N, C-alpha and C. Protein backbone atom coordinates (compact mmCIF):
# COMPACT_ATOMS: atom_id res chain seq x y z
N UNK A 1 100.86 101.73 123.28
CA UNK A 1 101.62 102.84 122.71
C UNK A 1 102.86 103.09 123.54
N UNK A 2 104.01 103.21 122.90
CA UNK A 2 105.28 103.42 123.59
C UNK A 2 105.51 104.92 123.71
N UNK A 3 106.66 105.26 124.28
CA UNK A 3 106.99 106.67 124.42
C UNK A 3 108.49 106.87 124.34
N UNK A 4 108.89 108.09 124.00
CA UNK A 4 110.28 108.50 123.99
C UNK A 4 110.44 109.61 125.03
N UNK A 5 111.41 109.46 125.89
CA UNK A 5 111.70 110.49 126.88
C UNK A 5 113.12 110.98 126.64
N UNK A 6 113.25 112.29 126.45
CA UNK A 6 114.58 112.87 126.17
C UNK A 6 114.60 114.30 126.70
N UNK A 7 115.64 114.63 127.46
CA UNK A 7 115.77 115.97 128.06
C UNK A 7 114.50 116.38 128.82
N UNK A 8 113.98 115.42 129.58
CA UNK A 8 112.81 115.67 130.43
C UNK A 8 111.53 115.95 129.65
N UNK A 9 111.52 115.64 128.37
CA UNK A 9 110.30 115.77 127.58
C UNK A 9 109.83 114.38 127.15
N UNK A 10 108.55 114.18 127.16
CA UNK A 10 107.97 112.87 126.83
C UNK A 10 107.16 112.98 125.54
N UNK A 11 107.37 112.02 124.64
CA UNK A 11 106.67 111.99 123.36
C UNK A 11 105.99 110.63 123.20
N UNK A 12 104.72 110.65 122.84
CA UNK A 12 103.99 109.41 122.61
C UNK A 12 104.29 108.88 121.21
N UNK A 13 104.53 107.57 121.14
CA UNK A 13 104.83 106.91 119.87
C UNK A 13 103.71 105.95 119.51
N UNK A 14 103.55 105.67 118.21
CA UNK A 14 102.58 104.66 117.81
C UNK A 14 103.21 103.27 117.92
N UNK A 15 102.49 102.23 117.51
CA UNK A 15 102.98 100.86 117.72
C UNK A 15 104.12 100.51 116.79
N UNK A 16 104.44 101.39 115.82
CA UNK A 16 105.61 101.16 114.97
C UNK A 16 106.80 102.01 115.41
N UNK A 17 106.62 102.80 116.48
CA UNK A 17 107.71 103.62 116.98
C UNK A 17 107.83 104.99 116.34
N UNK A 18 106.80 105.41 115.58
CA UNK A 18 106.77 106.74 114.99
C UNK A 18 106.02 107.70 115.94
N UNK A 19 106.31 108.98 115.81
CA UNK A 19 105.63 109.98 116.63
C UNK A 19 104.12 109.91 116.39
N UNK A 20 103.36 109.78 117.48
CA UNK A 20 101.92 109.59 117.35
C UNK A 20 101.21 110.84 116.84
N UNK A 21 101.65 112.01 117.27
CA UNK A 21 101.03 113.27 116.87
C UNK A 21 102.09 114.13 116.19
N UNK A 22 101.92 114.38 114.90
CA UNK A 22 102.95 115.12 114.14
C UNK A 22 103.17 116.51 114.70
N UNK A 23 102.16 117.06 115.37
CA UNK A 23 102.29 118.42 115.91
C UNK A 23 103.12 118.47 117.19
N UNK A 24 103.45 117.30 117.75
CA UNK A 24 104.29 117.26 118.95
C UNK A 24 105.77 117.33 118.61
N UNK A 25 106.10 117.34 117.34
CA UNK A 25 107.50 117.29 116.92
C UNK A 25 108.26 118.57 117.28
N UNK A 26 109.49 118.40 117.69
CA UNK A 26 110.44 119.51 117.79
C UNK A 26 111.84 118.91 117.63
N UNK A 27 112.85 119.76 117.59
CA UNK A 27 114.21 119.26 117.38
C UNK A 27 114.67 118.37 118.53
N UNK A 28 114.14 118.60 119.69
CA UNK A 28 114.49 117.76 120.83
C UNK A 28 114.06 116.31 120.57
N UNK A 29 112.86 116.14 120.00
CA UNK A 29 112.40 114.79 119.64
C UNK A 29 113.36 114.14 118.66
N UNK A 30 113.75 114.89 117.62
CA UNK A 30 114.65 114.35 116.61
C UNK A 30 116.00 113.96 117.22
N UNK A 31 116.51 114.78 118.10
CA UNK A 31 117.77 114.47 118.76
C UNK A 31 117.65 113.21 119.60
N UNK A 32 116.56 113.09 120.31
CA UNK A 32 116.35 111.90 121.14
C UNK A 32 116.18 110.64 120.31
N UNK A 33 115.42 110.74 119.21
CA UNK A 33 115.19 109.58 118.36
C UNK A 33 116.45 109.18 117.60
N UNK A 34 117.34 110.13 117.35
CA UNK A 34 118.56 109.84 116.59
C UNK A 34 119.39 108.75 117.26
N UNK A 35 119.35 108.69 118.57
CA UNK A 35 120.13 107.69 119.29
C UNK A 35 119.65 106.28 118.97
N UNK A 36 118.37 106.12 118.65
CA UNK A 36 117.82 104.81 118.32
C UNK A 36 118.02 104.45 116.86
N UNK A 37 118.47 105.40 116.05
CA UNK A 37 118.54 105.19 114.61
C UNK A 37 119.98 105.21 114.09
N UNK A 38 120.91 104.82 114.96
CA UNK A 38 122.32 104.67 114.59
C UNK A 38 122.97 105.98 114.16
N UNK A 39 122.48 107.10 114.69
CA UNK A 39 123.10 108.41 114.45
C UNK A 39 123.68 108.84 115.79
N UNK A 40 124.80 108.26 116.11
CA UNK A 40 125.35 108.36 117.47
C UNK A 40 125.98 109.71 117.78
N UNK A 41 126.39 110.46 116.74
CA UNK A 41 127.06 111.75 116.97
C UNK A 41 126.13 112.95 116.91
N UNK A 42 124.84 112.69 116.94
CA UNK A 42 123.87 113.79 116.92
C UNK A 42 123.57 114.28 115.51
N UNK A 43 122.64 115.21 115.43
CA UNK A 43 122.16 115.70 114.14
C UNK A 43 123.00 116.88 113.66
N UNK A 44 123.43 116.80 112.41
CA UNK A 44 124.20 117.87 111.79
C UNK A 44 123.24 118.83 111.09
N UNK A 45 123.80 119.89 110.53
CA UNK A 45 122.98 120.83 109.77
C UNK A 45 122.31 120.14 108.58
N UNK A 46 123.01 119.19 107.95
CA UNK A 46 122.42 118.49 106.81
C UNK A 46 121.24 117.62 107.25
N UNK A 47 121.37 116.97 108.40
CA UNK A 47 120.23 116.23 108.93
C UNK A 47 119.03 117.16 109.11
N UNK A 48 119.26 118.28 109.74
CA UNK A 48 118.17 119.20 110.07
C UNK A 48 117.53 119.80 108.82
N UNK A 49 118.35 120.06 107.81
CA UNK A 49 117.79 120.58 106.55
C UNK A 49 116.82 119.58 105.93
N UNK A 50 117.21 118.31 105.95
CA UNK A 50 116.35 117.26 105.38
C UNK A 50 115.06 117.13 106.19
N UNK A 51 115.18 117.12 107.51
CA UNK A 51 113.99 116.98 108.35
C UNK A 51 113.03 118.15 108.16
N UNK A 52 113.57 119.35 108.09
CA UNK A 52 112.71 120.53 107.90
C UNK A 52 112.06 120.52 106.52
N UNK A 53 112.80 120.03 105.52
CA UNK A 53 112.22 119.93 104.17
C UNK A 53 111.04 118.96 104.17
N UNK A 54 111.23 117.79 104.77
CA UNK A 54 110.15 116.80 104.82
C UNK A 54 108.93 117.37 105.53
N UNK A 55 109.16 118.05 106.62
CA UNK A 55 108.04 118.61 107.38
C UNK A 55 107.37 119.76 106.62
N UNK A 56 108.16 120.58 105.94
CA UNK A 56 107.59 121.68 105.17
C UNK A 56 106.70 121.16 104.04
N UNK A 57 107.16 120.12 103.36
CA UNK A 57 106.35 119.54 102.28
C UNK A 57 105.07 118.93 102.85
N UNK A 58 105.20 118.27 103.99
CA UNK A 58 104.02 117.67 104.61
C UNK A 58 103.00 118.75 105.00
N UNK A 59 103.47 119.84 105.57
CA UNK A 59 102.57 120.92 105.97
C UNK A 59 101.91 121.56 104.76
N UNK A 60 102.66 121.68 103.68
CA UNK A 60 102.14 122.34 102.48
C UNK A 60 101.18 121.46 101.68
N UNK A 61 101.57 120.19 101.51
CA UNK A 61 100.84 119.32 100.58
C UNK A 61 100.13 118.16 101.26
N UNK A 62 100.29 118.02 102.58
CA UNK A 62 99.69 116.91 103.30
C UNK A 62 100.20 115.56 102.78
N UNK A 63 101.44 115.53 102.36
CA UNK A 63 102.05 114.30 101.89
C UNK A 63 103.53 114.32 102.22
N UNK A 64 104.10 113.14 102.40
CA UNK A 64 105.53 113.02 102.64
C UNK A 64 106.22 112.95 101.29
N UNK A 65 107.24 113.77 101.02
CA UNK A 65 107.93 113.69 99.73
C UNK A 65 108.60 112.34 99.56
N UNK A 66 108.72 111.87 98.33
CA UNK A 66 109.40 110.60 98.09
C UNK A 66 110.89 110.74 98.37
N UNK A 67 111.54 109.61 98.53
CA UNK A 67 112.99 109.62 98.73
C UNK A 67 113.69 110.24 97.53
N UNK A 68 113.13 110.02 96.32
CA UNK A 68 113.74 110.61 95.12
C UNK A 68 113.70 112.14 95.20
N UNK A 69 112.53 112.67 95.55
CA UNK A 69 112.37 114.13 95.61
C UNK A 69 113.32 114.74 96.63
N UNK A 70 113.43 114.09 97.79
CA UNK A 70 114.26 114.63 98.85
C UNK A 70 115.73 114.62 98.47
N UNK A 71 116.21 113.52 97.92
CA UNK A 71 117.61 113.45 97.51
C UNK A 71 117.91 114.45 96.40
N UNK A 72 117.01 114.57 95.44
CA UNK A 72 117.22 115.50 94.33
C UNK A 72 117.20 116.94 94.81
N UNK A 73 116.34 117.24 95.77
CA UNK A 73 116.24 118.61 96.27
C UNK A 73 117.57 119.08 96.85
N UNK A 74 118.26 118.18 97.55
CA UNK A 74 119.53 118.54 98.16
C UNK A 74 120.74 118.05 97.37
N UNK A 75 120.48 117.44 96.22
CA UNK A 75 121.56 116.93 95.37
C UNK A 75 122.43 115.91 96.10
N UNK A 76 121.80 115.08 96.93
CA UNK A 76 122.51 114.00 97.61
C UNK A 76 122.53 112.77 96.72
N UNK A 77 123.67 112.06 96.67
CA UNK A 77 123.64 110.74 96.05
C UNK A 77 123.29 109.73 97.14
N UNK A 78 123.09 108.49 96.74
CA UNK A 78 122.60 107.50 97.70
C UNK A 78 123.62 107.22 98.80
N UNK A 79 124.90 107.30 98.47
CA UNK A 79 125.94 107.09 99.48
C UNK A 79 125.92 108.18 100.54
N UNK A 80 125.76 109.42 100.10
CA UNK A 80 125.70 110.54 101.04
C UNK A 80 124.47 110.44 101.94
N UNK A 81 123.36 110.04 101.33
CA UNK A 81 122.12 109.94 102.11
C UNK A 81 122.20 108.79 103.10
N UNK A 82 122.82 107.70 102.70
CA UNK A 82 122.99 106.56 103.59
C UNK A 82 123.82 106.95 104.82
N UNK A 83 124.85 107.78 104.60
CA UNK A 83 125.69 108.19 105.73
C UNK A 83 124.91 109.06 106.71
N UNK A 84 123.93 109.81 106.20
CA UNK A 84 123.11 110.64 107.08
C UNK A 84 122.05 109.82 107.80
N UNK A 85 121.40 108.91 107.05
CA UNK A 85 120.27 108.15 107.60
C UNK A 85 120.48 106.67 107.34
N UNK A 86 121.33 106.01 108.13
CA UNK A 86 121.67 104.61 107.87
C UNK A 86 120.50 103.64 107.97
N UNK A 87 119.42 104.02 108.65
CA UNK A 87 118.27 103.13 108.78
C UNK A 87 117.33 103.21 107.57
N UNK A 88 117.59 104.16 106.67
CA UNK A 88 116.74 104.29 105.49
C UNK A 88 115.96 105.59 105.48
N UNK A 89 115.10 105.74 104.51
CA UNK A 89 114.33 106.98 104.36
C UNK A 89 113.12 107.00 105.28
N UNK A 90 112.21 106.03 105.07
CA UNK A 90 110.99 106.01 105.87
C UNK A 90 111.30 105.77 107.34
N UNK A 91 112.13 104.77 107.62
CA UNK A 91 112.41 104.40 109.00
C UNK A 91 113.55 105.22 109.60
N UNK A 92 114.14 106.11 108.81
CA UNK A 92 115.20 106.98 109.30
C UNK A 92 114.79 108.44 109.23
N UNK A 93 114.87 109.03 108.03
CA UNK A 93 114.60 110.46 107.87
C UNK A 93 113.18 110.83 108.26
N UNK A 94 112.19 110.10 107.73
CA UNK A 94 110.79 110.45 108.02
C UNK A 94 110.45 110.24 109.49
N UNK A 95 111.01 109.18 110.06
CA UNK A 95 110.76 108.92 111.47
C UNK A 95 111.33 110.04 112.34
N UNK A 96 112.53 110.51 111.99
CA UNK A 96 113.13 111.63 112.72
C UNK A 96 112.33 112.90 112.53
N UNK A 97 111.72 113.06 111.36
CA UNK A 97 110.91 114.25 111.07
C UNK A 97 109.53 114.18 111.72
N UNK A 98 109.24 113.07 112.39
CA UNK A 98 107.98 112.95 113.11
C UNK A 98 106.80 112.63 112.25
N UNK A 99 107.05 112.09 111.05
CA UNK A 99 105.96 111.79 110.12
C UNK A 99 105.98 110.31 109.78
N UNK A 100 104.94 109.60 110.16
CA UNK A 100 104.85 108.18 109.83
C UNK A 100 104.33 108.04 108.41
N UNK A 101 104.55 106.86 107.83
CA UNK A 101 104.06 106.66 106.47
C UNK A 101 102.55 106.72 106.42
N UNK A 102 101.89 106.26 107.47
CA UNK A 102 100.43 106.29 107.50
C UNK A 102 99.91 107.71 107.38
N UNK A 103 100.63 108.67 108.03
CA UNK A 103 100.19 110.07 107.97
C UNK A 103 100.74 110.78 106.75
N UNK A 104 101.89 110.33 106.24
CA UNK A 104 102.53 111.03 105.14
C UNK A 104 102.20 110.51 103.77
N UNK A 105 101.34 109.52 103.70
CA UNK A 105 100.97 108.95 102.41
C UNK A 105 100.16 109.96 101.61
N UNK A 106 100.17 109.82 100.29
CA UNK A 106 99.40 110.73 99.45
C UNK A 106 97.94 110.72 99.87
N UNK A 107 97.44 111.88 100.23
CA UNK A 107 96.04 111.98 100.63
C UNK A 107 95.34 113.04 99.80
N UNK A 108 95.47 114.29 100.19
CA UNK A 108 94.83 115.34 99.41
C UNK A 108 95.34 115.36 97.97
N UNK A 109 96.62 115.09 97.80
CA UNK A 109 97.19 115.10 96.46
C UNK A 109 96.54 114.04 95.58
N UNK A 110 96.32 112.85 96.16
CA UNK A 110 95.77 111.76 95.36
C UNK A 110 94.33 112.06 94.96
N UNK A 111 93.62 112.84 95.78
CA UNK A 111 92.23 113.15 95.46
C UNK A 111 92.13 114.08 94.25
N UNK A 112 93.24 114.78 93.93
CA UNK A 112 93.22 115.70 92.80
C UNK A 112 93.45 114.98 91.47
N UNK A 113 93.89 113.70 91.56
CA UNK A 113 94.17 112.97 90.33
C UNK A 113 92.86 112.54 89.68
N UNK A 114 92.95 112.23 88.42
CA UNK A 114 91.78 111.73 87.70
C UNK A 114 91.36 110.38 88.26
N UNK A 115 90.10 110.06 88.12
CA UNK A 115 89.63 108.76 88.57
C UNK A 115 90.35 107.66 87.81
N UNK A 116 90.83 106.62 88.53
CA UNK A 116 91.56 105.56 87.85
C UNK A 116 90.67 104.82 86.86
N UNK A 117 91.27 104.37 85.78
CA UNK A 117 90.54 103.58 84.80
C UNK A 117 90.21 102.22 85.39
N UNK A 118 89.22 101.58 84.82
CA UNK A 118 88.84 100.27 85.31
C UNK A 118 90.00 99.29 85.17
N UNK A 119 90.25 98.53 86.20
CA UNK A 119 91.31 97.54 86.17
C UNK A 119 90.87 96.39 85.26
N UNK A 120 91.72 95.96 84.34
CA UNK A 120 91.30 95.00 83.33
C UNK A 120 90.95 93.62 83.85
N UNK A 121 91.56 93.19 84.96
CA UNK A 121 91.31 91.85 85.47
C UNK A 121 90.74 91.96 86.87
N UNK A 122 89.54 91.42 87.07
CA UNK A 122 88.90 91.54 88.37
C UNK A 122 88.37 90.18 88.83
N UNK A 123 89.13 89.14 88.60
CA UNK A 123 88.68 87.80 88.91
C UNK A 123 88.87 87.43 90.37
N UNK A 124 89.56 88.26 91.13
CA UNK A 124 89.87 87.94 92.50
C UNK A 124 89.79 89.19 93.36
N UNK A 125 89.39 89.02 94.62
CA UNK A 125 89.35 90.13 95.57
C UNK A 125 90.49 89.97 96.56
N UNK A 126 90.97 91.12 97.07
CA UNK A 126 92.07 91.13 98.01
C UNK A 126 91.71 92.00 99.21
N UNK A 127 92.21 91.62 100.37
CA UNK A 127 92.03 92.44 101.57
C UNK A 127 93.15 93.47 101.62
N UNK A 128 92.78 94.73 101.50
CA UNK A 128 93.76 95.81 101.56
C UNK A 128 93.34 96.82 102.62
N UNK A 129 94.32 97.60 103.10
CA UNK A 129 93.98 98.64 104.07
C UNK A 129 93.52 99.89 103.35
N UNK A 130 93.30 100.96 104.11
CA UNK A 130 92.75 102.18 103.52
C UNK A 130 93.67 102.80 102.47
N UNK A 131 94.95 102.49 102.52
CA UNK A 131 95.90 103.03 101.56
C UNK A 131 96.15 102.10 100.39
N UNK A 132 95.48 100.97 100.36
CA UNK A 132 95.63 100.04 99.25
C UNK A 132 96.73 99.02 99.41
N UNK A 133 97.32 98.94 100.62
CA UNK A 133 98.37 97.95 100.87
C UNK A 133 97.73 96.62 101.27
N UNK A 134 98.31 95.53 100.79
CA UNK A 134 97.79 94.21 101.11
C UNK A 134 97.89 93.95 102.61
N UNK A 135 96.80 93.48 103.21
CA UNK A 135 96.77 93.23 104.66
C UNK A 135 97.63 92.04 105.02
N UNK A 136 97.52 90.97 104.28
CA UNK A 136 98.27 89.74 104.54
C UNK A 136 99.18 89.46 103.34
N UNK A 137 100.48 89.56 103.56
CA UNK A 137 101.42 89.45 102.45
C UNK A 137 101.36 88.08 101.77
N UNK A 138 100.87 87.06 102.48
CA UNK A 138 100.80 85.72 101.88
C UNK A 138 99.66 85.59 100.87
N UNK A 139 98.75 86.56 100.84
CA UNK A 139 97.66 86.52 99.87
C UNK A 139 98.06 87.11 98.52
N UNK A 140 99.28 87.59 98.43
CA UNK A 140 99.77 88.21 97.20
C UNK A 140 99.87 87.19 96.07
N UNK A 141 99.61 87.65 94.85
CA UNK A 141 99.93 86.88 93.66
C UNK A 141 100.22 87.86 92.53
N UNK A 142 100.60 87.35 91.38
CA UNK A 142 100.99 88.21 90.27
C UNK A 142 99.82 89.06 89.78
N UNK A 143 98.61 88.56 89.94
CA UNK A 143 97.44 89.33 89.53
C UNK A 143 97.31 90.59 90.38
N UNK A 144 97.57 90.47 91.69
CA UNK A 144 97.55 91.64 92.56
C UNK A 144 98.59 92.66 92.09
N UNK A 145 99.80 92.17 91.81
CA UNK A 145 100.87 93.07 91.37
C UNK A 145 100.49 93.79 90.08
N UNK A 146 99.94 93.07 89.13
CA UNK A 146 99.58 93.67 87.85
C UNK A 146 98.46 94.70 88.02
N UNK A 147 97.46 94.38 88.83
CA UNK A 147 96.36 95.31 89.04
C UNK A 147 96.82 96.56 89.78
N UNK A 148 97.72 96.38 90.75
CA UNK A 148 98.24 97.53 91.49
C UNK A 148 99.08 98.42 90.59
N UNK A 149 99.90 97.81 89.75
CA UNK A 149 100.70 98.58 88.79
C UNK A 149 99.80 99.34 87.83
N UNK A 150 98.71 98.72 87.43
CA UNK A 150 97.76 99.39 86.54
C UNK A 150 97.10 100.57 87.26
N UNK A 151 96.74 100.36 88.51
CA UNK A 151 96.12 101.43 89.30
C UNK A 151 97.07 102.62 89.47
N UNK A 152 98.38 102.32 89.58
CA UNK A 152 99.38 103.38 89.72
C UNK A 152 99.73 104.02 88.38
N UNK A 153 99.12 103.51 87.31
CA UNK A 153 99.33 104.05 85.96
C UNK A 153 100.81 104.00 85.55
N UNK A 154 101.45 102.90 85.86
CA UNK A 154 102.83 102.71 85.45
C UNK A 154 102.86 102.47 83.95
N UNK A 155 103.60 103.27 83.20
CA UNK A 155 103.53 103.25 81.74
C UNK A 155 103.90 101.92 81.11
N UNK A 156 104.85 101.19 81.69
CA UNK A 156 105.28 99.91 81.13
C UNK A 156 104.69 98.72 81.86
N UNK A 157 103.71 99.00 82.74
CA UNK A 157 103.16 97.98 83.62
C UNK A 157 104.31 97.29 84.33
N UNK A 158 104.52 95.98 84.15
CA UNK A 158 105.62 95.31 84.85
C UNK A 158 106.51 94.56 83.86
N UNK A 159 107.76 95.00 83.78
CA UNK A 159 108.75 94.37 82.92
C UNK A 159 109.54 93.33 83.71
N UNK A 160 110.44 92.64 83.04
CA UNK A 160 111.28 91.65 83.73
C UNK A 160 112.06 92.31 84.87
N UNK A 161 112.51 93.55 84.67
CA UNK A 161 113.27 94.24 85.71
C UNK A 161 112.39 94.55 86.92
N UNK A 162 111.14 94.93 86.67
CA UNK A 162 110.20 95.13 87.77
C UNK A 162 110.05 93.85 88.58
N UNK A 163 109.85 92.73 87.87
CA UNK A 163 109.64 91.46 88.56
C UNK A 163 110.88 91.06 89.36
N UNK A 164 112.05 91.39 88.86
CA UNK A 164 113.28 91.09 89.60
C UNK A 164 113.26 91.80 90.96
N UNK A 165 112.87 93.06 90.97
CA UNK A 165 112.80 93.82 92.22
C UNK A 165 111.70 93.26 93.12
N UNK A 166 110.54 93.00 92.55
CA UNK A 166 109.40 92.48 93.32
C UNK A 166 109.75 91.14 93.97
N UNK A 167 110.33 90.24 93.18
CA UNK A 167 110.67 88.93 93.71
C UNK A 167 111.76 89.03 94.79
N UNK A 168 112.71 89.93 94.59
CA UNK A 168 113.73 90.15 95.62
C UNK A 168 113.09 90.60 96.93
N UNK A 169 112.16 91.56 96.85
CA UNK A 169 111.51 92.08 98.05
C UNK A 169 110.76 90.98 98.80
N UNK A 170 110.05 90.17 98.06
CA UNK A 170 109.26 89.12 98.70
C UNK A 170 110.15 88.02 99.29
N UNK A 171 111.23 87.69 98.60
CA UNK A 171 112.15 86.69 99.13
C UNK A 171 112.85 87.20 100.39
N UNK A 172 113.23 88.47 100.37
CA UNK A 172 113.87 89.08 101.53
C UNK A 172 112.91 89.07 102.71
N UNK A 173 111.65 89.47 102.46
CA UNK A 173 110.67 89.52 103.54
C UNK A 173 110.37 88.13 104.08
N UNK A 174 110.31 87.15 103.22
CA UNK A 174 110.05 85.78 103.63
C UNK A 174 111.11 85.28 104.61
N UNK A 175 112.33 85.71 104.39
CA UNK A 175 113.44 85.27 105.24
C UNK A 175 113.59 86.12 106.48
N UNK A 176 113.50 87.46 106.33
CA UNK A 176 113.82 88.38 107.42
C UNK A 176 112.60 88.94 108.14
N UNK A 177 111.40 88.79 107.54
CA UNK A 177 110.15 89.34 108.09
C UNK A 177 110.20 90.86 108.24
N UNK A 178 110.93 91.49 107.36
CA UNK A 178 110.97 92.95 107.29
C UNK A 178 111.31 93.34 105.86
N UNK A 179 111.04 94.58 105.52
CA UNK A 179 111.35 95.09 104.18
C UNK A 179 112.75 95.71 104.21
N UNK A 180 113.62 95.39 103.26
CA UNK A 180 114.95 96.00 103.26
C UNK A 180 114.85 97.50 103.01
N UNK A 181 115.80 98.27 103.57
CA UNK A 181 115.78 99.69 103.24
C UNK A 181 116.26 99.89 101.81
N UNK A 182 116.10 101.07 101.32
CA UNK A 182 116.36 101.34 99.91
C UNK A 182 117.83 101.16 99.55
N UNK A 183 118.72 101.39 100.51
CA UNK A 183 120.14 101.19 100.24
C UNK A 183 120.45 99.73 99.98
N UNK A 184 119.91 98.85 100.83
CA UNK A 184 120.19 97.43 100.69
C UNK A 184 119.61 96.89 99.39
N UNK A 185 118.42 97.35 99.02
CA UNK A 185 117.83 96.91 97.76
C UNK A 185 118.72 97.29 96.60
N UNK A 186 119.18 98.54 96.57
CA UNK A 186 120.04 98.98 95.47
C UNK A 186 121.33 98.18 95.44
N UNK A 187 121.91 97.92 96.60
CA UNK A 187 123.15 97.14 96.66
C UNK A 187 122.93 95.71 96.17
N UNK A 188 121.91 95.06 96.72
CA UNK A 188 121.70 93.65 96.42
C UNK A 188 121.25 93.41 94.98
N UNK A 189 120.51 94.37 94.42
CA UNK A 189 119.99 94.20 93.06
C UNK A 189 120.87 94.88 92.01
N UNK A 190 121.95 95.53 92.45
CA UNK A 190 122.84 96.19 91.51
C UNK A 190 122.14 97.25 90.68
N UNK A 191 121.35 98.08 91.36
CA UNK A 191 120.55 99.09 90.66
C UNK A 191 120.83 100.46 91.27
N UNK A 192 120.83 101.49 90.44
CA UNK A 192 121.03 102.84 90.93
C UNK A 192 119.70 103.44 91.36
N UNK A 193 119.78 104.53 92.10
CA UNK A 193 118.56 105.21 92.53
C UNK A 193 117.78 105.73 91.33
N UNK A 194 118.47 106.24 90.32
CA UNK A 194 117.79 106.73 89.12
C UNK A 194 117.06 105.61 88.40
N UNK A 195 117.69 104.43 88.34
CA UNK A 195 117.03 103.29 87.71
C UNK A 195 115.80 102.85 88.48
N UNK A 196 115.92 102.86 89.81
CA UNK A 196 114.77 102.50 90.64
C UNK A 196 113.63 103.49 90.45
N UNK A 197 113.98 104.76 90.36
CA UNK A 197 112.95 105.78 90.14
C UNK A 197 112.25 105.60 88.81
N UNK A 198 113.01 105.25 87.78
CA UNK A 198 112.40 105.06 86.46
C UNK A 198 111.46 103.85 86.46
N UNK A 199 111.78 102.85 87.28
CA UNK A 199 110.93 101.66 87.36
C UNK A 199 109.69 101.91 88.22
N UNK A 200 109.87 102.60 89.34
CA UNK A 200 108.78 102.82 90.29
C UNK A 200 108.69 104.31 90.62
N UNK A 201 108.15 105.11 89.72
CA UNK A 201 108.13 106.57 89.91
C UNK A 201 107.30 107.03 91.10
N UNK A 202 106.40 106.21 91.61
CA UNK A 202 105.59 106.61 92.77
C UNK A 202 106.36 106.52 94.08
N UNK A 203 107.56 105.96 94.04
CA UNK A 203 108.36 105.85 95.24
C UNK A 203 108.70 104.42 95.57
N UNK A 204 109.58 104.24 96.52
CA UNK A 204 109.99 102.90 96.92
C UNK A 204 108.86 102.18 97.66
N UNK A 205 108.37 102.81 98.73
CA UNK A 205 107.32 102.17 99.53
C UNK A 205 105.98 102.17 98.82
N UNK A 206 105.56 103.34 98.33
CA UNK A 206 104.24 103.43 97.72
C UNK A 206 104.23 102.89 96.30
N UNK A 207 105.39 102.47 95.80
CA UNK A 207 105.47 101.86 94.48
C UNK A 207 105.92 100.41 94.56
N UNK A 208 107.22 100.19 94.68
CA UNK A 208 107.78 98.83 94.66
C UNK A 208 107.24 97.96 95.78
N UNK A 209 107.31 98.46 97.01
CA UNK A 209 106.89 97.66 98.16
C UNK A 209 105.40 97.35 98.11
N UNK A 210 104.61 98.33 97.71
CA UNK A 210 103.16 98.13 97.62
C UNK A 210 102.81 97.08 96.58
N UNK A 211 103.44 97.15 95.42
CA UNK A 211 103.16 96.18 94.35
C UNK A 211 103.59 94.79 94.77
N UNK A 212 104.64 94.70 95.60
CA UNK A 212 105.11 93.39 96.09
C UNK A 212 104.22 92.84 97.20
N UNK A 213 103.20 93.58 97.57
CA UNK A 213 102.26 93.09 98.59
C UNK A 213 102.76 93.23 100.01
N UNK A 214 103.70 94.16 100.22
CA UNK A 214 104.32 94.32 101.53
C UNK A 214 104.06 95.71 102.09
N UNK A 215 104.49 95.94 103.33
CA UNK A 215 104.41 97.25 103.96
C UNK A 215 105.62 97.45 104.83
N UNK A 216 106.11 98.69 104.88
CA UNK A 216 107.20 99.02 105.80
C UNK A 216 106.60 99.27 107.17
N UNK A 217 107.16 98.63 108.17
CA UNK A 217 106.66 98.78 109.55
C UNK A 217 107.77 99.31 110.43
């Protein structure tokens, strides 16, 4: 486990560099972490509003709001949000807010949903973690993607446009060994945030990335 030291305060981090204990968060942590996330001029009022919003939603609902919800709440377009958090949403805003995806994933909220319908194709088993993400990205196939989309109750299942995004994510990961942030995906695929939301309403990571058999680290 690593640590962040800033203004004589020490914070324990997990192996992905996120705050290990969400209750240890304070603005000093965010200021210190900002230096590692390409926010060289410090946190503005807009940064702090976003961080407090993410933390307030987490405290209230035990879940991290999606990037769509956060941008819409403050009426930010993707360009404005990119200028605030150049590293992305999960690895930028949420990390600064002291909430890792592992802790901010739908938990209590998901338990309130109806039991998922039986998945139509069950010819193969997959190794997934507690959140349903594929453990080994090389074990992915189209059957996994279809079953995951069905589990997420996506109304159109997977269209050609969905597959375009999924294939892009997997090709990018194969080359770079990391998941692109949401800005790069939108740029490279020529898609707007609204279009991405309509395709993957559960979010970028918990929707598109999950169906592609990947995880943000």
